[in-house]
Amino acid sequence: MGLNLKYTNGQTPLNEEEKEGLKIKSITAHEELDEFEQLNIEKAVEWTIHANLKPERILSEKFIKELHKKMYGAVWKWAGKFRIADKNIGVNWMNISVELKNLLDDTKFWIEYNTFAPEEIAIRFKHRIVAIHCFSNGNGRHSRMMADIIMEYIFKKEIFS
């Protein structure tokens, strides 16, 4: 049968090679995919509660990849790996690491020098990481979780609701 995905406005389509990375071959519809991804995301949220999350760990390429893998690793083989194709949004795929390093360095600067309020730093981070579009899928959900992690574990404040 294969995976039949129907995209809404603003969603980034997966190419055929990325679709081949689906681990659960019984999934054929977008609704089923969303359900399995949500279950995996809930496990990732639970993982963050028990992980030793310090600012220097959070604000690293390694953690960003690790979180994405925790969020989608049970569903996609390519979870936690930067995309290797251009999309309808995001930087050229070959520039992902450089743009992400710039974002991480900027964020560390904003925190160290109190450039913005904590909420603004988390929102600026979220906006820029989703604009970079590091991964083939799940960038919006990943960026929202990163913003919550920044609020909770770096600034010791309530997460966004």
Protein backbone atom coordinates (compact mmCIF):
# COMPACT_ATOMS: atom_id res chain seq x y z
CA MET A 1 0.00 0.00 0.00
CA GLY A 2 2.49 2.64 1.11
CA LEU A 3 2.31 5.82 3.08
CA ASN A 4 -0.38 8.22 1.80
CA LEU A 5 0.21 11.63 3.36
CA LYS A 6 -2.13 14.58 2.88
CA TYR A 7 -0.48 17.85 3.84
CA THR A 8 -2.19 20.95 5.15
CA ASN A 9 -0.98 24.45 4.37
CA GLY A 10 2.36 25.07 6.07
CA GLN A 11 3.41 21.43 6.44
CA THR A 12 6.66 20.35 4.82
CA PRO A 13 6.19 17.37 2.50
CA LEU A 14 8.43 14.34 2.81
CA ASN A 15 10.16 13.08 -0.32
CA GLU A 16 9.95 9.41 -1.30
CA GLU A 17 13.37 8.59 0.18
CA GLU A 18 12.33 10.11 3.53
CA LYS A 19 9.05 8.17 3.47
CA GLU A 20 11.10 4.98 3.10
CA GLY A 21 12.52 5.74 6.56
CA LEU A 22 9.21 4.89 8.21
CA LYS A 23 9.85 2.14 10.76
CA ILE A 24 6.20 1.10 11.24
CA LYS A 25 5.22 -0.25 7.85
CA SER A 26 1.57 -0.77 8.85
CA ILE A 27 1.04 3.01 8.91
CA THR A 28 -0.68 4.13 5.71
CA ALA A 29 -2.56 7.33 6.65
CA HIS A 30 -1.51 10.68 8.03
CA GLU A 31 -3.81 10.28 11.05
CA GLU A 32 -2.06 7.03 12.01
CA LEU A 33 1.35 8.65 11.58
CA ASP A 34 0.31 11.58 13.78
CA GLU A 35 -0.85 9.17 16.49
CA PHE A 36 2.41 7.19 16.56
CA GLU A 37 4.48 10.38 16.49
CA GLN A 38 2.47 11.83 19.39
CA LEU A 39 3.05 8.70 21.48
CA ASN A 40 6.79 8.99 20.80
CA ILE A 41 6.75 12.72 21.68
CA GLU A 42 5.07 11.95 25.01
CA LYS A 43 7.90 9.54 25.80
CA ALA A 44 10.40 12.28 24.90
CA VAL A 45 8.69 14.69 27.32
CA GLU A 46 8.97 12.05 30.05
CA TRP A 47 12.65 11.57 29.17
CA THR A 48 13.32 15.30 29.65
CA ILE A 49 11.94 15.07 33.18
CA HIS A 50 14.55 12.45 34.12
CA ALA A 51 17.46 13.71 32.01
CA ASN A 52 20.14 15.85 33.58
CA LEU A 53 19.44 19.00 31.56
CA LYS A 54 21.99 21.75 32.09
CA PRO A 55 22.26 24.88 29.90
CA GLU A 56 25.55 23.80 28.31
CA ARG A 57 23.97 20.47 27.32
CA ILE A 58 20.73 21.98 26.04
CA LEU A 59 22.44 24.59 23.89
CA SER A 60 24.39 22.11 21.76
CA GLU A 61 23.97 20.48 18.37
CA LYS A 62 24.28 17.09 20.06
CA PHE A 63 21.29 17.77 22.33
CA ILE A 64 19.16 19.16 19.51
CA LYS A 65 19.73 15.96 17.55
CA GLU A 66 19.23 13.80 20.64
CA LEU A 67 15.89 15.44 21.45
CA HIS A 68 14.64 14.99 17.88
CA LYS A 69 15.65 11.32 18.01
CA LYS A 70 13.80 10.90 21.33
CA MET A 71 10.73 12.57 19.79
CA TYR A 72 10.65 10.57 16.54
CA GLY A 73 13.10 7.67 16.80
CA ALA A 74 10.45 4.98 17.21
CA VAL A 75 8.78 6.15 14.00
CA TRP A 76 11.53 7.34 11.61
CA LYS A 77 14.96 5.86 10.82
CA TRP A 78 16.31 9.35 10.09
CA ALA A 79 15.16 10.85 13.41
CA GLY A 80 17.91 12.90 15.01
CA LYS A 81 19.77 13.36 11.72
CA PHE A 82 19.87 16.62 9.82
CA ARG A 83 17.99 16.59 6.54
CA ILE A 84 19.97 15.99 3.35
CA ALA A 85 17.60 17.65 0.89
CA ASP A 86 16.20 21.14 0.47
CA LYS A 87 12.60 21.79 1.47
CA ASN A 88 9.94 24.42 0.86
CA ILE A 89 11.23 26.13 4.02
CA GLY A 90 14.59 26.36 5.72
CA VAL A 91 18.18 27.06 4.84
CA ASN A 92 20.08 25.11 2.21
CA TRP A 93 20.61 21.69 3.78
CA MET A 94 24.40 22.06 3.53
CA ASN A 95 24.26 25.15 5.78
CA ILE A 96 22.27 23.63 8.65
CA SER A 97 25.23 23.04 11.00
CA VAL A 98 26.64 26.54 10.45
CA GLU A 99 23.28 28.28 10.93
CA LEU A 100 22.55 26.19 14.01
CA LYS A 101 25.96 27.05 15.52
CA ASN A 102 25.21 30.75 14.92
CA LEU A 103 21.85 30.35 16.68
CA LEU A 104 23.40 28.51 19.63
CA ASP A 105 26.16 31.13 19.97
CA ASP A 106 23.61 33.97 19.76
CA THR A 107 21.41 32.31 22.38
CA LYS A 108 24.32 31.84 24.78
CA PHE A 109 25.20 35.52 24.31
CA TRP A 110 21.58 36.64 24.94
CA ILE A 111 21.50 34.60 28.15
CA GLU A 112 24.92 35.68 29.42
CA TYR A 113 24.29 39.39 28.81
CA ASN A 114 20.55 39.45 29.61
CA THR A 115 19.91 40.87 26.15
CA PHE A 116 16.23 39.96 26.22
CA ALA A 117 13.68 38.68 28.72
CA PRO A 118 13.70 34.87 29.14
CA GLU A 119 10.43 34.48 27.23
CA GLU A 120 11.79 36.48 24.31
CA ILE A 121 14.99 34.44 24.21
CA ALA A 122 12.99 31.19 24.08
CA ILE A 123 10.70 32.57 21.35
CA ARG A 124 13.61 33.92 19.30
CA PHE A 125 15.32 30.52 19.59
CA LYS A 126 12.12 28.72 18.55
CA HIS A 127 11.60 31.01 15.57
CA ARG A 128 15.16 30.68 14.29
CA ILE A 129 15.49 26.93 14.73
CA VAL A 130 12.26 26.29 12.88
CA ALA A 131 13.42 28.69 10.14
CA ILE A 132 16.67 26.70 9.82
CA HIS A 133 14.49 23.57 9.53
CA CYS A 134 17.14 21.08 10.65
CA PHE A 135 15.13 17.90 10.12
CA SER A 136 12.97 16.31 7.42
CA ASN A 137 9.91 16.33 9.67
CA GLY A 138 8.80 17.50 13.11
CA ASN A 139 10.60 20.86 13.16
CA GLY A 140 7.66 22.84 14.55
CA ARG A 141 6.98 20.39 17.36
CA HIS A 142 10.72 20.10 18.07
CA SER A 143 11.12 23.89 18.22
CA ARG A 144 8.19 24.22 20.66
CA MET A 145 9.69 21.57 22.93
CA MET A 146 13.08 23.30 22.77
CA ALA A 147 11.45 26.61 23.79
CA ASP A 148 9.79 24.89 26.75
CA ILE A 149 13.07 23.24 27.75
CA ILE A 150 14.85 26.60 27.60
CA MET A 151 12.18 28.17 29.80
CA GLU A 152 12.09 25.35 32.34
CA TYR A 153 15.70 24.19 32.57
CA ILE A 154 17.68 27.33 31.76
CA PHE A 155 15.46 30.06 33.19
CA LYS A 156 13.59 27.99 35.83
CA LYS A 157 10.28 29.45 34.64
CA GLU A 158 6.92 28.04 33.60
CA ILE A 159 6.75 26.51 30.16
CA PHE A 160 4.56 28.02 27.46
CA SER A 161 0.99 26.76 27.46
